[in-house]
């Protein structure tokens, strides 16, 4: 229990667990609603409000927040990867990748598959949220020039980015959390998850083509856009920094400081105003993470994670394979009720109690990532795509759900099956 609360309210210490749970519920409600009626609260402000209430009501002390609650390595890793992606965008890397996808596509259906797979490939190493920010406007321009319906391609960006991001720790924020909490090496995680991400990305692209085959004509493209102006010196420096940090990850060096070191060196050598690059970094997302860390730590410090696990335990089975399936099912539902990042923060506290914790870390990362494709609110990447495209195309909840249900069910079932198969071979 906190010994020195910020404000000495005359509260019975036994009330702290109830306060922690109430704050968590309020925070999750704001996250799920995205915007609270009659206020301007949204996800980041909801997480900040929850963090402030956690301290001011005495659930945690400021010292606990600074020293224990916030995973600064996760925030530093996310910041470093965002800066690297911002420099790649400045060099027109994403515009060049989009143009190459159009040239290779030849048909509208091929373009849909190409967009999905390109976004999946980019998100395997770059943060999927950043990929969606950079690629969505480019894809909208492509489909406008080709006179194609934008909806299938927007879904390709969001769903491809989600599925492909399962491949590595740096693919998405929840995987970064798993990397920091699990102790699994970057190389081991990628060796298990990259093949699964490849198979499920191909399945995702195929399913989207199948679902939208009637809306996409068979005609071949006549559109051949001119090559985008690429800043070749900056692109070369950015690619060197990017591949350098990936090598550092596989070599087992600290991921957060490797990413920050590469970002800092690129800032020094890039010959580009860092302020202009920083404008592309989503600092609000970092604030969102910090607030969630505080709220979830407050719940854990007051004993709620153990109580939740005790309640769920009898329903999760005793065998490792049964626990993988059960946790994956819970993850799909919870990630869409509360979003995948806060769920992983909470569920990560349960993993040591399972029969095979290492396998369960893989299952949590995989299921929470693939669950992001079920609904529009299942992943921050989905919301980024919808928001970026709002002036050109309305991507509504039901529009997303119609494709999200089959894509999520098929890819999750396949992904979990592949994970269990690899575990049976002793490769996990």
Protein backbone atom coordinates (compact mmCIF):
# COMPACT_ATOMS: atom_id res chain seq x y z
CA UNK A 1 0.00 0.00 0.00
CA UNK A 2 1.22 3.54 -0.65
CA UNK A 3 2.71 5.02 2.51
CA UNK A 4 2.82 8.65 1.42
CA UNK A 5 -0.14 9.65 -0.79
CA UNK A 6 0.02 12.91 -2.68
CA UNK A 7 -3.13 14.24 -0.99
CA UNK A 8 -3.81 12.88 2.52
CA UNK A 9 -7.49 12.23 2.05
CA UNK A 10 -9.08 10.68 5.16
CA UNK A 11 -9.81 7.44 3.25
CA UNK A 12 -9.76 3.97 4.70
CA UNK A 13 -6.85 2.08 3.02
CA UNK A 14 -9.27 -0.76 2.37
CA UNK A 15 -11.00 1.49 -0.17
CA UNK A 16 -7.95 1.65 -2.43
CA UNK A 17 -8.72 -1.60 -4.32
CA UNK A 18 -12.22 -0.33 -5.10
CA UNK A 19 -10.84 3.02 -6.21
CA UNK A 20 -8.25 1.36 -8.45
CA UNK A 21 -10.91 -0.82 -10.09
CA UNK A 22 -13.26 2.14 -10.51
CA UNK A 23 -10.55 4.22 -12.16
CA UNK A 24 -9.69 1.31 -14.48
CA UNK A 25 -13.37 0.96 -15.42
CA UNK A 26 -13.70 4.68 -16.12
CA UNK A 27 -10.52 4.70 -18.21
CA UNK A 28 -11.57 1.63 -20.21
CA UNK A 29 -15.01 3.13 -20.78
CA UNK A 30 -13.50 6.28 -22.27
CA UNK A 31 -11.14 4.17 -24.40
CA UNK A 32 -14.00 1.99 -25.66
CA UNK A 33 -16.28 4.95 -26.43
CA UNK A 34 -13.37 6.89 -28.02
CA UNK A 35 -15.22 10.12 -27.24
CA UNK A 36 -17.39 10.75 -24.17
CA UNK A 37 -20.74 12.51 -24.83
CA UNK A 38 -20.98 16.09 -23.56
CA UNK A 39 -17.20 16.29 -23.08
CA UNK A 40 -14.16 16.43 -25.32
CA UNK A 41 -12.44 13.49 -23.63
CA UNK A 42 -10.87 10.97 -26.00
CA UNK A 43 -8.53 7.99 -25.55
CA UNK A 44 -5.31 9.82 -24.63
CA UNK A 45 -7.06 12.30 -22.34
CA UNK A 46 -8.98 9.43 -20.73
CA UNK A 47 -5.74 7.59 -19.97
CA UNK A 48 -4.19 10.79 -18.54
CA UNK A 49 -7.30 11.41 -16.41
CA UNK A 50 -7.10 7.85 -15.07
CA UNK A 51 -3.41 8.26 -14.22
CA UNK A 52 -4.02 11.53 -12.37
CA UNK A 53 -6.92 10.05 -10.41
CA UNK A 54 -4.78 7.04 -9.50
CA UNK A 55 -2.29 9.34 -7.77
CA UNK A 56 -4.55 12.05 -6.38
CA UNK A 57 -6.91 9.51 -4.78
CA UNK A 58 -4.03 7.71 -3.11
CA UNK A 59 -3.97 4.43 -5.04
CA UNK A 60 -0.30 5.07 -5.95
CA UNK A 61 2.27 7.60 -4.81
CA UNK A 62 4.17 9.80 -7.26
CA UNK A 63 7.32 7.86 -6.36
CA UNK A 64 5.67 4.59 -7.45
CA UNK A 65 4.67 6.18 -10.74
CA UNK A 66 8.17 7.46 -11.48
CA UNK A 67 10.08 4.37 -10.33
CA UNK A 68 7.79 1.42 -10.98
CA UNK A 69 4.61 2.04 -12.96
CA UNK A 70 5.77 3.45 -16.31
CA UNK A 71 7.72 1.16 -18.67
CA UNK A 72 10.08 3.81 -20.01
CA UNK A 73 11.85 1.26 -22.24
CA UNK A 74 8.61 0.62 -24.14
CA UNK A 75 7.97 4.34 -24.62
CA UNK A 76 11.59 4.93 -25.68
CA UNK A 77 11.43 2.07 -28.20
CA UNK A 78 8.20 3.40 -29.68
CA UNK A 79 9.66 6.92 -29.91
CA UNK A 80 12.84 5.71 -31.61
CA UNK A 81 10.95 3.68 -34.22
CA UNK A 82 8.59 6.59 -34.91
CA UNK A 83 11.54 8.91 -35.57
CA UNK A 84 13.12 6.39 -37.96
CA UNK A 85 9.81 6.03 -39.82
CA UNK A 86 9.45 9.82 -39.98
CA UNK A 87 12.84 10.14 -41.68
CA UNK A 88 11.89 7.41 -44.15
CA UNK A 89 8.73 9.37 -44.92
CA UNK A 90 10.74 12.57 -45.42
CA UNK A 91 12.87 10.70 -47.96
CA UNK A 92 9.69 9.56 -49.85
CA UNK A 93 10.24 5.89 -48.98
CA UNK A 94 6.54 5.24 -48.47
CA UNK A 95 5.58 7.03 -51.69
CA UNK A 96 8.09 4.92 -53.59
CA UNK A 97 6.76 1.71 -52.03
CA UNK A 98 3.18 2.67 -52.98
CA UNK A 99 4.21 3.41 -56.57
CA UNK A 100 5.98 0.06 -56.86
CA UNK A 101 2.86 -1.70 -55.57
CA UNK A 102 0.76 0.01 -58.26
CA UNK A 103 3.20 -0.90 -61.03
CA UNK A 104 3.32 -4.54 -59.95
CA UNK A 105 -0.45 -4.87 -59.45
CA UNK A 106 -1.70 -4.70 -63.08
CA UNK A 107 -5.36 -5.14 -61.99
CA UNK A 108 -7.59 -3.66 -59.23
CA UNK A 109 -7.67 -7.01 -57.45
CA UNK A 110 -3.91 -7.28 -57.70
CA UNK A 111 -3.61 -3.77 -56.30
CA UNK A 112 -5.74 -4.72 -53.28
CA UNK A 113 -3.56 -7.74 -52.59
CA UNK A 114 -0.44 -5.64 -53.18
CA UNK A 115 -1.50 -2.84 -50.82
CA UNK A 116 -2.35 -5.38 -48.11
CA UNK A 117 0.96 -7.23 -48.43
CA UNK A 118 3.10 -4.09 -48.74
CA UNK A 119 1.54 -2.70 -45.55
CA UNK A 120 2.04 -6.06 -43.85
CA UNK A 121 5.70 -6.12 -44.88
CA UNK A 122 6.34 -2.55 -43.74
CA UNK A 123 4.61 -3.18 -40.42
CA UNK A 124 6.74 -6.22 -39.70
CA UNK A 125 9.51 -3.86 -38.56
CA UNK A 126 8.06 -0.35 -38.49
CA UNK A 127 5.24 0.39 -36.05
CA UNK A 128 1.90 -0.38 -37.74
CA UNK A 129 0.31 2.85 -36.49
CA UNK A 130 3.06 4.86 -38.19
CA UNK A 131 2.73 2.85 -41.41
CA UNK A 132 -1.00 3.66 -41.51
CA UNK A 133 -0.33 7.36 -40.98
CA UNK A 134 2.16 7.45 -43.84
CA UNK A 135 0.47 5.11 -46.35
CA UNK A 136 -3.25 5.95 -46.12
CA UNK A 137 -3.08 9.31 -47.96
CA UNK A 138 -0.92 7.74 -50.66
CA UNK A 139 -3.33 4.84 -51.19
CA UNK A 140 -6.27 7.25 -51.40
CA UNK A 141 -4.44 9.17 -54.11
CA UNK A 142 -3.74 5.93 -56.01
CA UNK A 143 -7.36 4.77 -55.98
CA UNK A 144 -8.61 8.23 -56.93
CA UNK A 145 -6.30 8.29 -59.94
CA UNK A 146 -7.38 4.78 -60.91
CA UNK A 147 -11.11 5.58 -60.30
CA UNK A 148 -11.53 2.68 -57.87
CA UNK A 149 -13.71 2.42 -54.71
CA UNK A 150 -11.57 3.38 -51.71
CA UNK A 151 -13.14 1.12 -49.05
CA UNK A 152 -11.43 -2.18 -49.98
CA UNK A 153 -8.03 -0.51 -50.13
CA UNK A 154 -8.46 1.28 -46.81
CA UNK A 155 -9.28 -2.08 -45.26
CA UNK A 156 -6.20 -3.49 -46.95
CA UNK A 157 -4.03 -0.82 -45.31
CA UNK A 158 -5.50 -1.34 -41.83
CA UNK A 159 -5.80 -5.13 -41.85
CA UNK A 160 -2.52 -5.75 -43.64
CA UNK A 161 -0.71 -3.50 -41.16
CA UNK A 162 -2.28 -5.30 -38.22
CA UNK A 163 -1.52 -8.83 -39.41
CA UNK A 164 2.01 -8.11 -40.62
CA UNK A 165 2.88 -6.35 -37.37
CA UNK A 166 2.67 -9.68 -35.54
CA UNK A 167 6.05 -10.67 -36.99
CA UNK A 168 8.35 -8.80 -34.57
CA UNK A 169 8.44 -6.90 -31.30
CA UNK A 170 8.68 -3.61 -33.19
CA UNK A 171 5.64 -4.26 -35.36
CA UNK A 172 3.09 -2.81 -32.96
CA UNK A 173 2.83 -1.30 -29.47
CA UNK A 174 1.40 -4.40 -27.76
CA UNK A 175 4.26 -6.54 -29.08
CA UNK A 176 6.69 -3.99 -27.68
CA UNK A 177 5.08 -4.51 -24.29
CA UNK A 178 5.42 -8.28 -24.65
CA UNK A 179 9.07 -7.83 -25.57
CA UNK A 180 9.78 -5.73 -22.48
CA UNK A 181 7.83 -7.96 -20.08
CA UNK A 182 8.58 -11.47 -21.34
CA UNK A 183 12.35 -11.61 -21.57
CA UNK A 184 12.07 -13.35 -24.98
CA UNK A 185 14.84 -12.32 -27.37
CA UNK A 186 14.02 -10.37 -30.53
CA UNK A 187 15.42 -13.15 -32.73
CA UNK A 188 13.49 -15.93 -30.99
CA UNK A 189 10.24 -13.98 -31.21
CA UNK A 190 10.74 -13.21 -34.91
CA UNK A 191 11.72 -16.81 -35.71
CA UNK A 192 8.39 -18.03 -34.32
CA UNK A 193 6.09 -15.20 -35.33
CA UNK A 194 7.40 -14.14 -38.75
CA UNK A 195 6.29 -17.37 -40.51
CA UNK A 196 2.88 -17.11 -38.85
CA UNK A 197 2.60 -13.45 -39.88
CA UNK A 198 3.56 -14.33 -43.47
CA UNK A 199 0.90 -17.04 -43.76
CA UNK A 200 -1.84 -14.97 -42.13
CA UNK A 201 -0.93 -11.91 -44.25
CA UNK A 202 -1.37 -13.96 -47.43
CA UNK A 203 -4.68 -15.25 -46.08
CA UNK A 204 -5.80 -11.72 -45.21
CA UNK A 205 -5.00 -10.46 -48.72
CA UNK A 206 -6.78 -13.42 -50.31
CA UNK A 207 -9.87 -12.99 -48.16
CA UNK A 208 -10.14 -9.27 -48.95
CA UNK A 209 -9.88 -9.97 -52.68
CA UNK A 210 -12.56 -12.65 -52.31
CA UNK A 211 -14.88 -10.40 -50.29
CA UNK A 212 -14.62 -7.47 -52.73
CA UNK A 213 -14.30 -9.36 -56.01
CA UNK A 214 -17.66 -8.06 -57.28
CA UNK A 215 -16.71 -4.43 -56.66
CA UNK A 216 -13.32 -4.62 -58.35
CA UNK A 217 -13.28 -4.90 -62.14
CA UNK A 218 -11.03 -7.36 -63.95
CA UNK A 219 -9.65 -4.70 -66.32
CA UNK A 220 -5.94 -4.04 -66.39
CA UNK A 221 -4.48 -0.74 -65.31
CA UNK A 222 -3.53 1.88 -67.82
CA UNK A 223 -2.34 4.22 -65.09
CA UNK A 224 1.44 4.61 -64.82
CA UNK A 225 2.19 7.51 -62.45
CA UNK A 226 5.54 9.25 -62.69
CA UNK A 227 8.10 8.20 -60.10
CA UNK A 228 7.94 10.31 -56.93
CA UNK A 229 10.83 12.67 -56.18
CA UNK A 230 13.04 10.72 -53.78
CA UNK A 231 15.66 12.34 -51.56
CA UNK A 232 18.30 9.72 -52.32
CA UNK A 233 20.96 10.84 -49.80
CA UNK A 234 18.42 10.97 -46.98
CA UNK A 235 16.87 7.66 -48.08
CA UNK A 236 20.27 5.99 -48.05
CA UNK A 237 21.07 7.32 -44.58
CA UNK A 238 17.62 6.33 -43.30
CA UNK A 239 17.91 2.79 -44.68
CA UNK A 240 21.38 2.40 -43.14
CA UNK A 241 20.00 3.51 -39.78
CA UNK A 242 16.98 1.22 -40.12
CA UNK A 243 18.97 -1.88 -41.05
CA UNK A 244 21.51 -1.02 -38.38
CA UNK A 245 18.86 -1.01 -35.68
CA UNK A 246 17.35 -4.29 -36.95
CA UNK A 247 20.81 -5.89 -36.78
CA UNK A 248 21.17 -4.55 -33.24
CA UNK A 249 17.81 -6.08 -32.30
CA UNK A 250 18.80 -9.51 -33.60
CA UNK A 251 22.19 -9.21 -31.91
CA UNK A 252 20.43 -8.95 -28.57
CA UNK A 253 21.31 -5.32 -27.81
CA UNK A 254 18.78 -3.30 -25.76
CA UNK A 255 15.93 -2.55 -28.17
CA UNK A 256 14.91 0.82 -26.74
CA UNK A 257 18.40 2.32 -26.70
CA UNK A 258 19.29 0.79 -30.05
CA UNK A 259 16.29 2.52 -31.63
CA UNK A 260 17.03 5.81 -29.88
CA UNK A 261 20.71 5.63 -30.86
CA UNK A 262 19.83 5.05 -34.52
CA UNK A 263 17.32 7.91 -34.40
CA UNK A 264 19.85 10.26 -32.79
CA UNK A 265 22.56 9.43 -35.32
CA UNK A 266 20.11 9.96 -38.16
CA UNK A 267 19.13 13.35 -36.73
CA UNK A 268 22.81 14.32 -36.67
CA UNK A 269 23.59 13.05 -40.18
CA UNK A 270 20.28 13.54 -41.96
CA UNK A 271 20.77 17.19 -42.98
CA UNK A 272 17.08 17.78 -42.29
CA UNK A 273 15.44 19.92 -39.61
CA UNK A 274 14.64 17.59 -36.67
CA UNK A 275 11.67 19.78 -35.75
CA UNK A 276 10.08 19.00 -39.11
CA UNK A 277 10.59 15.30 -38.47
CA UNK A 278 9.24 15.54 -34.91
CA UNK A 279 6.00 16.94 -36.32
CA UNK A 280 5.40 13.48 -37.81
CA UNK A 281 5.87 11.71 -34.45
CA UNK A 282 2.68 10.87 -32.55
CA UNK A 283 3.62 12.14 -29.11
CA UNK A 284 -0.02 11.86 -28.05
CA UNK A 285 0.28 8.08 -28.41
CA UNK A 286 3.25 8.13 -26.02
CA UNK A 287 1.14 10.06 -23.50
CA UNK A 288 -1.63 7.48 -23.95
CA UNK A 289 0.81 4.70 -23.08
CA UNK A 290 2.20 6.46 -20.02
CA UNK A 291 -1.27 7.05 -18.61
CA UNK A 292 -2.30 3.44 -19.17
CA UNK A 293 0.83 2.17 -17.46
CA UNK A 294 -0.10 4.10 -14.31
CA UNK A 295 -3.74 2.96 -14.27
CA UNK A 296 -2.91 -0.71 -14.85
CA UNK A 297 -0.12 -0.66 -12.27
CA UNK A 298 -2.57 0.74 -9.73
CA UNK A 299 -4.88 -2.20 -10.36
CA UNK A 300 -2.02 -4.65 -10.02
CA UNK A 301 -0.66 -3.02 -6.85
CA UNK A 302 -4.02 -3.40 -5.13
CA UNK A 303 -4.29 -7.12 -5.91
CA UNK A 304 -6.87 -7.08 -8.70
CA UNK A 305 -4.84 -8.96 -11.31
CA UNK A 306 -4.60 -11.95 -8.98
CA UNK A 307 -8.34 -11.79 -8.29
CA UNK A 308 -9.12 -11.62 -12.01
CA UNK A 309 -6.86 -14.58 -12.75
CA UNK A 310 -8.46 -16.59 -9.93
CA UNK A 311 -11.88 -15.92 -11.43
CA UNK A 312 -10.80 -16.81 -14.97
CA UNK A 313 -8.47 -19.67 -14.06
CA UNK A 314 -11.04 -22.49 -13.89
CA UNK A 315 -12.25 -21.55 -17.39
CA UNK A 316 -8.79 -21.47 -19.00
CA UNK A 317 -8.03 -25.18 -18.65
CA UNK A 318 -4.91 -26.87 -17.35
CA UNK A 319 -3.14 -28.04 -20.53
CA UNK A 320 -0.88 -25.64 -22.40
CA UNK A 321 -2.77 -26.03 -25.68
CA UNK A 322 -6.12 -25.50 -23.98
CA UNK A 323 -4.83 -22.39 -22.26
CA UNK A 324 -3.54 -21.00 -25.57
CA UNK A 325 -6.96 -21.42 -27.18
CA UNK A 326 -8.81 -20.02 -24.15
CA UNK A 327 -6.52 -17.00 -23.76
CA UNK A 328 -6.74 -16.30 -27.49
CA UNK A 329 -10.54 -16.30 -27.32
CA UNK A 330 -10.53 -13.97 -24.30
CA UNK A 331 -8.00 -11.75 -26.08
CA UNK A 332 -10.13 -11.39 -29.22
CA UNK A 333 -13.14 -10.28 -27.16
CA UNK A 334 -11.29 -8.07 -24.66
CA UNK A 335 -9.10 -6.40 -27.30
CA UNK A 336 -12.24 -5.21 -29.05
CA UNK A 337 -14.01 -4.12 -25.88
CA UNK A 338 -11.09 -2.15 -24.46
CA UNK A 339 -8.49 -2.07 -27.30
CA UNK A 340 -5.53 -4.42 -27.48
CA UNK A 341 -2.84 -2.30 -25.80
CA UNK A 342 -4.57 -1.87 -22.41
CA UNK A 343 -5.66 -5.52 -22.46
CA UNK A 344 -2.08 -6.70 -23.00
CA UNK A 345 -0.91 -4.46 -20.15
CA UNK A 346 -3.36 -6.21 -17.84
CA UNK A 347 -3.14 -9.77 -19.19
CA UNK A 348 0.66 -9.65 -19.09
CA UNK A 349 0.38 -9.86 -15.29
CA UNK A 350 -1.30 -13.28 -15.63
CA UNK A 351 1.22 -15.01 -17.88
CA UNK A 352 3.65 -16.32 -15.20
CA UNK A 353 0.81 -18.36 -13.66
CA UNK A 354 0.19 -20.43 -16.82
CA UNK A 355 1.56 -23.91 -17.52
CA UNK A 356 4.00 -22.70 -20.21
CA UNK A 357 4.55 -18.94 -19.79
CA UNK A 358 6.77 -18.53 -22.87
CA UNK A 359 4.16 -20.12 -25.13
CA UNK A 360 1.47 -17.93 -23.56
CA UNK A 361 3.46 -14.76 -24.28
CA UNK A 362 3.47 -15.75 -27.96
CA UNK A 363 -0.26 -16.53 -27.81
CA UNK A 364 -1.03 -13.17 -26.17
CA UNK A 365 0.99 -11.22 -28.74
CA UNK A 366 -0.52 -13.11 -31.67
CA UNK A 367 -4.16 -13.08 -30.59
CA UNK A 368 -4.22 -9.45 -29.44
CA UNK A 369 -2.68 -8.40 -32.76
CA UNK A 370 -4.98 -10.43 -35.02
CA UNK A 371 -7.96 -9.38 -32.86
CA UNK A 372 -7.31 -5.84 -34.03
CA UNK A 373 -8.94 -6.72 -37.35
CA UNK A 374 -12.32 -7.65 -35.89
CA UNK A 375 -13.82 -4.18 -35.36
CA UNK A 376 -12.96 -0.59 -36.12
CA UNK A 377 -12.04 0.05 -32.46
CA UNK A 378 -9.95 -3.12 -32.09
CA UNK A 379 -6.72 -1.39 -33.06
CA UNK A 380 -5.43 2.17 -33.02
CA UNK A 381 -4.20 1.54 -36.58
CA UNK A 382 -7.80 1.08 -37.76
CA UNK A 383 -8.84 4.39 -36.24
CA UNK A 384 -5.87 6.13 -37.84
CA UNK A 385 -6.95 4.89 -41.28
CA UNK A 386 -10.58 5.91 -40.70
CA UNK A 387 -9.57 9.35 -39.44
CA UNK A 388 -7.05 9.94 -42.24
CA UNK A 389 -9.66 9.06 -44.88
CA UNK A 390 -12.67 10.82 -43.34
CA UNK A 391 -12.81 13.60 -45.98
CA UNK A 392 -12.66 11.13 -48.86
CA UNK A 393 -14.46 8.01 -47.62
CA UNK A 394 -16.49 7.12 -44.56
CA UNK A 395 -15.14 3.94 -42.98
CA UNK A 396 -17.97 3.07 -40.59
CA UNK A 397 -18.21 0.49 -37.85
CA UNK A 398 -20.46 -1.86 -39.82
CA UNK A 399 -18.43 -1.42 -43.02
CA UNK A 400 -15.37 -2.58 -41.14
CA UNK A 401 -17.17 -5.36 -39.26
CA UNK A 402 -18.48 -6.99 -42.45
CA UNK A 403 -14.92 -7.75 -43.54
CA UNK A 404 -13.41 -7.89 -40.06
CA UNK A 405 -15.38 -10.91 -38.85
CA UNK A 406 -14.31 -13.40 -41.55
CA UNK A 407 -10.74 -12.06 -41.74
CA UNK A 408 -10.25 -12.22 -37.96
CA UNK A 409 -11.85 -15.62 -37.45
CA UNK A 410 -9.90 -17.27 -40.26
CA UNK A 411 -6.51 -15.69 -39.55
CA UNK A 412 -6.77 -16.16 -35.77
CA UNK A 413 -7.74 -19.82 -36.11
CA UNK A 414 -4.90 -20.37 -38.56
CA UNK A 415 -2.41 -18.39 -36.48
CA UNK A 416 -3.21 -20.22 -33.25
CA UNK A 417 -3.06 -23.54 -35.08
CA UNK A 418 0.36 -22.70 -36.53
CA UNK A 419 1.61 -21.57 -33.12
CA UNK A 420 0.50 -24.83 -31.50
CA UNK A 421 2.10 -26.75 -34.37
CA UNK A 422 5.42 -24.98 -33.85
CA UNK A 423 5.15 -25.62 -30.11
CA UNK A 424 4.56 -29.32 -30.74
CA UNK A 425 7.77 -29.39 -32.81
CA UNK A 426 9.67 -27.75 -29.95
CA UNK A 427 10.30 -24.53 -31.88
CA UNK A 428 8.63 -22.10 -29.46
